[in-house]
Amino acid sequence: MKCQQCNSRGYIINTRKKPNSTYRRYACAGCSHRWSSFEIHLVGERIKSDKELPYMLRRYITPPPEPAKTLNMERIEKLLAA
């Protein structure tokens, strides 16, 4: 994984595994900047993320939007006339 500060290559300094997730701590070889990543394992799929974790999870948690309903003008006119 590349450093977010200087774009140099980073290396893993710590890994903690749980049944459905993996936490990794990285350090940059160039500038010594440190950062973390959190990987969530969903049905055989691995999601790597830093700051995008909430956005990526929303994709799996939020149901798809309902299709827009079309308006029937004749029905509306009948309702207004009644």
C-alpha atoms as a PDB file:
ATOM      1  CA  MET A   1       0.000   0.000   0.000  1.00  0.00           C
ATOM      2  CA  LYS A   2       1.280   3.475  -0.855  1.00  0.00           C
ATOM      3  CA  CYS A   3       1.739   6.302   1.639  1.00  0.00           C
ATOM      4  CA  GLN A   4      -0.943   8.985   1.546  1.00  0.00           C
ATOM      5  CA  GLN A   5       1.609  11.700   2.338  1.00  0.00           C
ATOM      6  CA  CYS A   6       4.566  11.055   0.017  1.00  0.00           C
ATOM      7  CA  ASN A   7       3.344   8.205  -2.247  1.00  0.00           C
ATOM      8  CA  SER A   8       6.256   5.933  -1.199  1.00  0.00           C
ATOM      9  CA  ARG A   9       5.741   2.281  -0.473  1.00  0.00           C
ATOM     10  CA  GLY A  10       4.514   1.374   3.004  1.00  0.00           C
ATOM     11  CA  TYR A  11       4.997  -1.807   4.971  1.00  0.00           C
ATOM     12  CA  ILE A  12       2.845  -3.625   7.536  1.00  0.00           C
ATOM     13  CA  ILE A  13       3.954  -3.235  11.146  1.00  0.00           C
ATOM     14  CA  ASN A  14       0.969  -4.854  12.873  1.00  0.00           C
ATOM     15  CA  THR A  15      -1.937  -7.142  11.907  1.00  0.00           C
ATOM     16  CA  ARG A  16      -4.925  -8.154  14.020  1.00  0.00           C
ATOM     17  CA  LYS A  17      -7.294 -10.722  12.583  1.00  0.00           C
ATOM     18  CA  LYS A  18     -10.835 -11.427  13.716  1.00  0.00           C
ATOM     19  CA  PRO A  19     -13.316 -13.868  12.144  1.00  0.00           C
ATOM     20  CA  ASN A  20     -14.894 -11.261   9.820  1.00  0.00           C
ATOM     21  CA  SER A  21     -12.289  -8.510   9.688  1.00  0.00           C
ATOM     22  CA  THR A  22      -8.598  -7.670   9.618  1.00  0.00           C
ATOM     23  CA  TYR A  23      -6.969  -4.543  11.057  1.00  0.00           C
ATOM     24  CA  ARG A  24      -3.541  -3.573   9.705  1.00  0.00           C
ATOM     25  CA  ARG A  25      -1.134  -0.836  10.780  1.00  0.00           C
ATOM     26  CA  TYR A  26       1.280   0.499   8.137  1.00  0.00           C
ATOM     27  CA  ALA A  27       4.399   2.674   8.180  1.00  0.00           C
ATOM     28  CA  CYS A  28       5.928   4.542   5.251  1.00  0.00           C
ATOM     29  CA  ALA A  29       9.472   3.601   4.219  1.00  0.00           C
ATOM     30  CA  GLY A  30      10.108   7.165   2.986  1.00  0.00           C
ATOM     31  CA  CYS A  31       8.646   9.602   5.511  1.00  0.00           C
ATOM     32  CA  SER A  32       7.729   7.344   8.499  1.00  0.00           C
ATOM     33  CA  HIS A  33       4.053   8.383   8.275  1.00  0.00           C
ATOM     34  CA  ARG A  34       1.725   5.787   9.853  1.00  0.00           C
ATOM     35  CA  TRP A  35      -1.814   4.803   8.923  1.00  0.00           C
ATOM     36  CA  SER A  36      -4.322   2.014   9.444  1.00  0.00           C
ATOM     37  CA  SER A  37      -6.584  -0.038   7.239  1.00  0.00           C
ATOM     38  CA  PHE A  38      -9.606  -2.090   8.156  1.00  0.00           C
ATOM     39  CA  GLU A  39     -10.659  -4.995   5.929  1.00  0.00           C
ATOM     40  CA  ILE A  40     -14.115  -6.497   6.262  1.00  0.00           C
ATOM     41  CA  HIS A  41     -14.742  -9.968   4.884  1.00  0.00           C
ATOM     42  CA  LEU A  42     -18.254 -10.313   3.436  1.00  0.00           C
ATOM     43  CA  VAL A  43     -19.304 -13.601   1.868  1.00  0.00           C
ATOM     44  CA  GLY A  44     -15.839 -14.336   0.558  1.00  0.00           C
ATOM     45  CA  GLU A  45     -15.293 -10.730  -0.581  1.00  0.00           C
ATOM     46  CA  ARG A  46     -12.633  -8.544   1.008  1.00  0.00           C
ATOM     47  CA  ILE A  47     -13.076  -4.773   1.203  1.00  0.00           C
ATOM     48  CA  LYS A  48      -9.925  -2.742   1.850  1.00  0.00           C
ATOM     49  CA  SER A  49     -10.532   0.748   3.053  1.00  0.00           C
ATOM     50  CA  ASP A  50      -9.149   3.699   4.910  1.00  0.00           C
ATOM     51  CA  LYS A  51     -11.541   6.602   4.957  1.00  0.00           C
ATOM     52  CA  GLU A  52     -14.001   5.072   2.491  1.00  0.00           C
ATOM     53  CA  LEU A  53     -15.262   2.401   4.894  1.00  0.00           C
ATOM     54  CA  PRO A  54     -18.638   4.071   5.598  1.00  0.00           C
ATOM     55  CA  TYR A  55     -19.236   4.634   1.864  1.00  0.00           C
ATOM     56  CA  MET A  56     -18.335   1.042   0.995  1.00  0.00           C
ATOM     57  CA  LEU A  57     -20.508  -0.388   3.748  1.00  0.00           C
ATOM     58  CA  ARG A  58     -23.454   1.739   2.649  1.00  0.00           C
ATOM     59  CA  ARG A  59     -23.346  -0.165  -0.637  1.00  0.00           C
ATOM     60  CA  TYR A  60     -24.074  -3.398   1.245  1.00  0.00           C
ATOM     61  CA  ILE A  61     -26.424  -2.082   3.928  1.00  0.00           C
ATOM     62  CA  THR A  62     -28.683   0.390   2.105  1.00  0.00           C
ATOM     63  CA  PRO A  63     -31.453  -1.195   0.046  1.00  0.00           C
ATOM     64  CA  PRO A  64     -31.669  -0.078  -3.580  1.00  0.00           C
ATOM     65  CA  PRO A  65     -34.034   2.833  -4.203  1.00  0.00           C
ATOM     66  CA  GLU A  66     -37.559   2.010  -5.295  1.00  0.00           C
ATOM     67  CA  PRO A  67     -38.340   2.711  -8.944  1.00  0.00           C
ATOM     68  CA  ALA A  68     -40.147   5.986  -9.541  1.00  0.00           C
ATOM     69  CA  LYS A  69     -43.889   5.668 -10.001  1.00  0.00           C
ATOM     70  CA  THR A  70     -45.376   7.195 -13.127  1.00  0.00           C
ATOM     71  CA  LEU A  71     -48.322   9.517 -12.798  1.00  0.00           C
ATOM     72  CA  ASN A  72     -51.491   8.691 -14.669  1.00  0.00           C
ATOM     73  CA  MET A  73     -53.039  12.027 -15.687  1.00  0.00           C
ATOM     74  CA  GLU A  74     -56.486  10.523 -16.359  1.00  0.00           C
ATOM     75  CA  ARG A  75     -56.617   9.091 -12.836  1.00  0.00           C
ATOM     76  CA  ILE A  76     -55.535  12.422 -11.337  1.00  0.00           C
ATOM     77  CA  GLU A  77     -58.219  14.302 -13.302  1.00  0.00           C
ATOM     78  CA  LYS A  78     -60.894  11.834 -12.128  1.00  0.00           C
ATOM     79  CA  LEU A  79     -59.792  12.244  -8.506  1.00  0.00           C
ATOM     80  CA  LEU A  80     -59.879  16.042  -8.807  1.00  0.00           C
ATOM     81  CA  ALA A  81     -63.288  16.010 -10.494  1.00  0.00           C
ATOM     82  CA  ALA A  82     -64.870  13.876  -7.764  1.00  0.00           C
END
